[in-house]
Protein backbone atom coordinates (compact mmCIF):
# COMPACT_ATOMS: atom_id res chain seq x y z
CA MET A 1 -32.55 -6.01 19.83
CA ALA A 2 -29.50 -3.77 19.44
CA ILE A 3 -28.09 -3.32 15.94
CA GLU A 4 -24.39 -3.95 15.47
CA PHE A 5 -22.68 -2.18 12.58
CA SER A 6 -19.85 -4.26 11.18
CA ASP A 7 -18.27 -1.28 9.41
CA TRP A 8 -18.95 2.37 10.22
CA GLN A 9 -17.46 3.27 6.85
CA ASP A 10 -20.67 1.94 5.28
CA ILE A 11 -22.66 4.63 7.08
CA LYS A 12 -20.26 7.38 6.01
CA VAL A 13 -20.47 6.31 2.37
CA ALA A 14 -24.27 6.02 2.46
CA PHE A 15 -24.50 9.42 4.18
CA GLU A 16 -22.48 10.94 1.33
CA VAL A 17 -24.94 9.46 -1.20
CA ALA A 18 -27.85 10.89 0.81
CA ARG A 19 -26.19 14.34 0.74
CA ARG A 20 -25.33 14.33 -2.98
CA GLY A 21 -28.09 12.22 -4.51
CA THR A 22 -26.07 10.05 -6.91
CA LEU A 23 -23.50 7.28 -6.68
CA THR A 24 -21.19 9.05 -9.11
CA SER A 25 -21.16 12.33 -7.18
CA ALA A 26 -20.58 10.54 -3.87
CA ALA A 27 -17.80 8.41 -5.39
CA GLU A 28 -16.03 11.51 -6.74
CA ALA A 29 -16.27 13.23 -3.35
CA LEU A 30 -14.89 10.18 -1.57
CA GLY A 31 -12.24 9.45 -4.20
CA VAL A 32 -13.40 5.89 -4.86
CA HIS A 33 -15.03 3.93 -7.68
CA HIS A 34 -18.82 4.06 -7.83
CA SER A 35 -18.95 0.26 -7.51
CA THR A 36 -17.36 0.63 -4.05
CA VAL A 37 -20.13 3.05 -3.05
CA LEU A 38 -22.84 0.68 -4.32
CA ARG A 39 -21.27 -2.27 -2.51
CA ARG A 40 -21.19 -0.41 0.80
CA ILE A 41 -24.81 0.75 0.48
CA ASN A 42 -25.98 -2.78 -0.25
CA HIS A 43 -23.95 -4.11 2.69
CA LEU A 44 -25.44 -1.51 5.07
CA GLU A 45 -29.00 -2.23 3.96
CA GLN A 46 -28.43 -5.95 4.40
CA SER A 47 -26.99 -5.37 7.88
CA LEU A 48 -30.01 -3.27 8.90
CA ASN A 49 -32.51 -5.40 6.97
CA ALA A 50 -34.04 -2.14 5.77
CA ARG A 51 -34.17 -0.09 2.58
CA LEU A 52 -32.46 3.29 2.99
CA PHE A 53 -32.86 4.65 -0.54
CA HIS A 54 -35.39 4.85 -3.35
CA ARG A 55 -33.53 4.16 -6.60
CA HIS A 56 -34.66 5.97 -9.72
CA ALA A 57 -33.18 7.08 -13.02
CA ARG A 58 -32.07 10.50 -11.73
CA GLY A 59 -30.40 9.26 -8.59
CA TYR A 60 -31.05 8.19 -5.01
CA THR A 61 -33.52 9.64 -2.48
CA VAL A 62 -33.71 8.54 1.13
CA THR A 63 -36.56 6.52 2.56
CA GLU A 64 -38.20 7.39 5.87
CA THR A 65 -35.91 4.89 7.59
CA GLY A 66 -32.91 6.35 5.79
CA ALA A 67 -33.87 9.88 6.87
CA LYS A 68 -33.84 8.82 10.53
CA LEU A 69 -30.46 7.14 10.19
CA PHE A 70 -28.84 9.99 8.29
CA ALA A 71 -30.15 12.64 10.69
CA THR A 72 -28.14 10.91 13.41
CA ALA A 73 -25.23 10.37 11.02
CA GLU A 74 -25.15 14.11 10.28
CA GLN A 75 -24.84 14.92 13.98
CA ILE A 76 -22.03 12.37 14.33
CA ASN A 77 -20.32 13.76 11.24
CA GLU A 78 -20.40 17.30 12.64
CA GLN A 79 -18.94 16.09 15.93
CA LEU A 80 -16.20 14.17 14.13
CA GLU A 81 -15.34 17.17 11.96
CA SER A 82 -15.10 19.34 15.06
CA LEU A 83 -12.85 16.76 16.73
CA HIS A 84 -10.75 16.44 13.58
CA ASN A 85 -10.28 20.21 13.35
CA SER A 86 -9.18 20.39 16.97
CA ILE A 87 -6.73 17.55 16.45
CA MET A 88 -5.34 19.13 13.30
CA ALA A 89 -4.97 22.48 15.08
CA ALA A 90 -2.95 20.74 17.78
CA ASP A 91 -0.82 18.89 15.22
CA THR A 92 0.86 21.90 13.65
CA THR A 93 4.19 21.24 15.33
CA LEU A 94 6.67 18.66 14.16
CA SER A 95 7.00 16.51 17.25
CA GLY A 96 5.78 13.19 18.62
CA SER A 97 5.65 9.95 16.64
CA LEU A 98 5.14 9.30 12.94
CA LEU A 99 4.19 5.74 11.98
CA LEU A 100 5.09 4.50 8.50
CA THR A 101 4.05 1.07 7.26
CA THR A 102 5.55 -0.74 4.27
CA VAL A 103 6.90 -4.16 3.34
CA SER A 104 10.44 -5.12 4.23
CA GLY A 105 11.72 -5.01 0.66
CA PHE A 106 11.31 -1.24 0.50
CA ILE A 107 13.34 -0.30 3.55
CA ASP A 108 16.59 0.06 1.57
CA LEU A 109 14.92 2.52 -0.80
CA LEU A 110 13.25 4.46 2.01
CA ALA A 111 16.38 4.75 4.15
CA PRO A 112 17.67 7.98 2.49
CA VAL A 113 14.24 9.60 2.96
CA CYS A 114 14.13 8.57 6.60
CA GLU A 115 17.64 9.91 7.18
CA GLU A 116 16.80 13.28 5.64
CA PHE A 117 13.55 13.47 7.62
CA GLN A 118 15.43 12.84 10.87
CA LYS A 119 17.93 15.58 10.01
CA GLN A 120 15.20 18.12 9.28
CA HIS A 121 12.83 17.14 12.10
CA PRO A 122 14.81 15.73 15.02
CA ASN A 123 11.87 16.07 17.43
CA VAL A 124 9.78 13.52 15.53
CA GLN A 125 10.22 9.88 16.43
CA LEU A 126 9.94 7.91 13.20
CA GLU A 127 8.53 4.40 13.60
CA ILE A 128 8.59 2.01 10.63
CA LEU A 129 6.25 -0.98 10.74
CA LEU A 130 7.36 -3.71 8.32
CA ASP A 131 4.42 -5.99 7.64
CA GLN A 132 3.20 -7.96 4.64
CA LYS A 133 -0.36 -7.35 5.87
CA ARG A 134 -1.96 -4.02 5.08
CA LEU A 135 -2.37 -2.08 8.30
CA ARG A 136 -5.53 0.02 8.71
CA LEU A 137 -4.79 3.72 8.45
CA ASP A 138 -8.38 4.53 9.42
CA HIS A 139 -7.86 2.64 12.69
CA GLY A 140 -4.72 4.57 13.55
CA GLN A 141 -2.40 1.57 13.01
CA ALA A 142 -0.16 3.82 10.88
CA HIS A 143 -0.07 7.39 9.55
CA ILE A 144 1.53 6.74 6.15
CA ALA A 145 1.72 3.62 3.99
CA VAL A 146 3.99 2.87 1.04
CA ARG A 147 2.33 0.11 -0.98
CA ALA A 148 3.00 -1.79 -4.18
CA GLY A 149 0.42 -3.05 -6.67
CA PRO A 150 -2.92 -1.68 -7.91
CA ARG A 151 -4.10 1.75 -6.75
CA PRO A 152 -5.60 1.44 -3.24
CA ASP A 153 -9.32 2.24 -3.31
CA GLU A 154 -10.36 2.37 0.36
CA GLY A 155 -13.02 5.04 0.85
CA ASP A 156 -11.20 7.60 3.02
CA TYR A 157 -7.67 6.90 1.77
CA ILE A 158 -5.70 9.28 -0.42
CA ALA A 159 -3.39 7.42 -2.82
CA GLN A 160 -0.61 9.22 -4.71
CA HIS A 161 1.57 7.49 -7.28
CA LEU A 162 5.23 7.60 -6.24
CA TYR A 163 6.98 5.72 -9.03
CA SER A 164 6.99 2.54 -11.11
CA SER A 165 9.39 -0.10 -9.87
CA GLU A 166 11.21 -2.41 -12.28
CA SER A 167 12.52 -5.76 -11.05
CA GLY A 168 14.56 -8.62 -12.47
CA LEU A 169 16.63 -11.65 -11.56
CA TYR A 170 20.05 -11.16 -9.97
CA ALA A 171 22.91 -13.27 -8.66
CA HIS A 172 26.16 -12.54 -6.85
CA GLU A 173 29.22 -12.74 -9.10
CA ARG A 174 30.64 -15.39 -6.77
CA TYR A 175 27.62 -17.61 -7.39
CA LEU A 176 27.91 -17.09 -11.17
CA GLN A 177 31.61 -17.99 -11.09
CA ARG A 178 30.74 -21.19 -9.29
CA MET A 179 27.59 -22.18 -11.24
CA GLY A 180 28.00 -20.36 -14.56
CA THR A 181 25.97 -17.50 -16.03
CA PRO A 182 22.63 -18.48 -17.63
CA LYS A 183 22.47 -17.51 -21.29
CA SER A 184 18.85 -18.57 -21.90
CA LEU A 185 15.69 -19.50 -20.00
CA THR A 186 16.58 -23.15 -20.58
CA ASP A 187 19.86 -22.66 -18.72
CA LEU A 188 17.92 -21.74 -15.58
CA ARG A 189 17.20 -25.43 -15.05
CA GLU A 190 20.76 -25.85 -13.83
CA HIS A 191 20.57 -23.21 -11.08
CA HIS A 192 19.42 -22.66 -7.50
CA PHE A 193 16.79 -20.06 -6.65
CA ILE A 194 15.57 -18.04 -3.71
CA SER A 195 11.82 -17.55 -3.28
CA GLY A 196 9.23 -16.58 -0.69
CA VAL A 197 7.42 -18.59 1.96
CA GLN A 198 3.88 -19.37 0.89
CA GLY A 199 1.35 -17.16 2.65
CA PHE A 200 3.83 -14.40 3.57
CA ASN A 201 4.69 -12.66 0.30
CA SER A 202 2.62 -14.26 -2.45
CA ARG A 203 2.01 -10.84 -4.08
CA VAL A 204 5.70 -10.39 -4.92
CA PRO A 205 5.73 -10.99 -8.71
CA TYR A 206 9.18 -12.59 -9.06
CA PHE A 207 8.52 -15.00 -6.20
CA ALA A 208 5.29 -15.99 -7.94
CA TRP A 209 7.18 -16.52 -11.23
CA VAL A 210 9.78 -18.80 -9.61
CA ASP A 211 7.09 -20.90 -7.91
CA GLU A 212 5.06 -21.19 -11.12
CA HIS A 213 7.83 -21.95 -13.61
CA LEU A 214 10.51 -23.84 -11.66
CA PRO A 215 10.34 -27.16 -9.82
CA ALA A 216 10.56 -27.12 -6.02
CA SER A 217 13.85 -29.01 -6.22
CA GLN A 218 15.54 -25.88 -7.66
CA ILE A 219 14.38 -23.60 -4.83
CA SER A 220 17.22 -23.88 -2.35
CA LEU A 221 15.95 -21.26 0.08
CA ARG A 222 12.60 -19.72 1.01
CA VAL A 223 12.30 -16.63 3.22
CA SER A 224 9.33 -14.85 4.76
CA GLU A 225 10.68 -11.32 4.24
CA THR A 226 11.69 -9.71 0.96
CA SER A 227 14.62 -7.91 2.60
CA ASP A 228 16.01 -11.25 3.78
CA ALA A 229 15.70 -12.58 0.23
CA ASN A 230 17.76 -9.59 -0.95
CA ARG A 231 20.46 -10.36 1.60
CA ALA A 232 20.47 -14.04 0.64
CA ILE A 233 20.98 -13.14 -3.03
CA ALA A 234 23.73 -10.68 -2.07
CA SER A 235 25.38 -13.47 -0.04
CA GLY A 236 25.65 -15.73 -3.09
CA LEU A 237 23.07 -18.32 -2.03
CA GLY A 238 21.28 -18.39 -5.38
CA ILE A 239 19.48 -16.47 -8.11
CA GLY A 240 16.54 -14.35 -7.01
CA GLY A 241 14.32 -11.46 -7.92
CA MET A 242 15.07 -7.94 -6.73
CA GLN A 243 14.03 -4.39 -7.53
CA ASN A 244 16.57 -2.86 -9.89
CA ASP A 245 17.01 0.20 -7.66
CA ILE A 246 17.85 -2.00 -4.68
CA ALA A 247 20.17 -4.24 -6.70
CA ARG A 248 22.29 -1.19 -7.56
CA LEU A 249 23.15 -0.90 -3.88
CA TYR A 250 25.07 -4.21 -4.15
CA PRO A 251 27.99 -3.71 -6.59
CA GLN A 252 28.78 -7.44 -6.82
CA LEU A 253 25.33 -8.41 -8.06
CA GLN A 254 24.91 -9.21 -11.74
CA PRO A 255 21.64 -9.12 -13.74
CA VAL A 256 20.39 -12.46 -15.05
CA LEU A 257 18.41 -12.59 -18.33
CA HIS A 258 16.90 -9.12 -17.94
CA SER A 259 16.00 -8.98 -21.63
CA GLU A 260 13.82 -12.07 -21.14
CA LEU A 261 12.47 -11.56 -17.61
CA SER A 262 11.36 -8.37 -15.85
CA TRP A 263 8.51 -7.25 -13.63
CA ARG A 264 6.90 -3.84 -13.17
CA SER A 265 4.97 -2.67 -10.12
CA ASP A 266 3.41 0.68 -9.20
CA ILE A 267 4.35 2.13 -5.80
CA TRP A 268 1.84 4.30 -3.93
CA LEU A 269 1.99 6.79 -1.08
CA VAL A 270 -1.18 6.27 0.94
CA THR A 271 -2.59 8.44 3.72
CA HIS A 272 -5.93 8.74 5.52
CA HIS A 273 -7.83 11.96 4.80
CA GLN A 274 -8.02 12.86 8.50
CA MET A 275 -4.23 12.81 8.86
CA HIS A 276 -3.28 13.84 5.33
CA ARG A 277 -2.86 17.55 6.12
CA SER A 278 -1.07 17.11 9.43
CA ALA A 279 2.36 18.71 9.59
CA LYS A 280 4.27 15.48 10.20
CA VAL A 281 2.57 13.56 7.40
CA GLN A 282 3.00 16.41 4.91
CA ALA A 283 6.68 16.83 5.81
CA PHE A 284 7.46 13.15 5.24
CA ALA A 285 5.25 12.89 2.14
CA GLN A 286 7.01 15.82 0.48
CA LEU A 287 10.41 14.23 1.06
CA LEU A 288 9.13 10.94 -0.37
CA LYS A 289 7.77 12.56 -3.52
CA GLN A 290 10.91 14.62 -3.97
CA HIS A 291 13.12 11.52 -3.59
CA PHE A 292 11.20 9.49 -6.16
CA ARG A 293 10.53 12.35 -8.61
CA PRO A 294 11.89 11.46 -12.08
CA GLN A 295 15.22 13.16 -12.70
CA ASP A 296 15.58 15.43 -15.72
CA VAL A 297 17.71 13.86 -18.42
């Protein structure tokens, strides 16, 4: 009966353990936590219904079955490295397409970077994929990702911290003139709010706060995209959460109870190791890091 591998990444991780002898050494080489390495080894052994390693106090040694598997894995790895090198050699010119994935709420912040990239590299077609789901860089769904939240820990991904985003509640001055400005958390009971559609953007912290602390009757509008929520707030439809940097782009927005309510989120630049050194990825990544670099005071 043929064996079907559900995730080839398991084999790569296990092969790295076979080469280096310990979980810690393999995890450092792959740039992941050692628990991720252990999980993938266990998953691979369960899939094969075979033990690939002898565990002992000093590390891991391969079994006879493991030696057979990793001999083939080494040949595949050499072929992939050769293919990767040839691809990288061909990708030294700044032309073709560059695929960037992020969530819709970041497009306003990324626009200046995209504009500068287009000026410097007019032969590259920049494609931005706005999706709440995390696209697979290892499957070629995108070349660069800009993500919010905890540090991504996928095995072959390289995650670099861009900046820490601060968010708060905002409302258009026209809305506040009509409904009054809240002076306390209790005053929020008299106002209308904008939140997200369940299942689309549940990881957005201020949407989660609204849904947890306010009754559904106060949520006058739900949207599936964060950028649409920003536009709704800027149109005076209610109070809503927004990144402070984005709110500054709308002069008629006013902060609401920022001393009582704020949210912080880390933003990451994520690439796959096979594309990380390509000319196009490096060119865009450098502009991103330069744009979000803290300014000297």
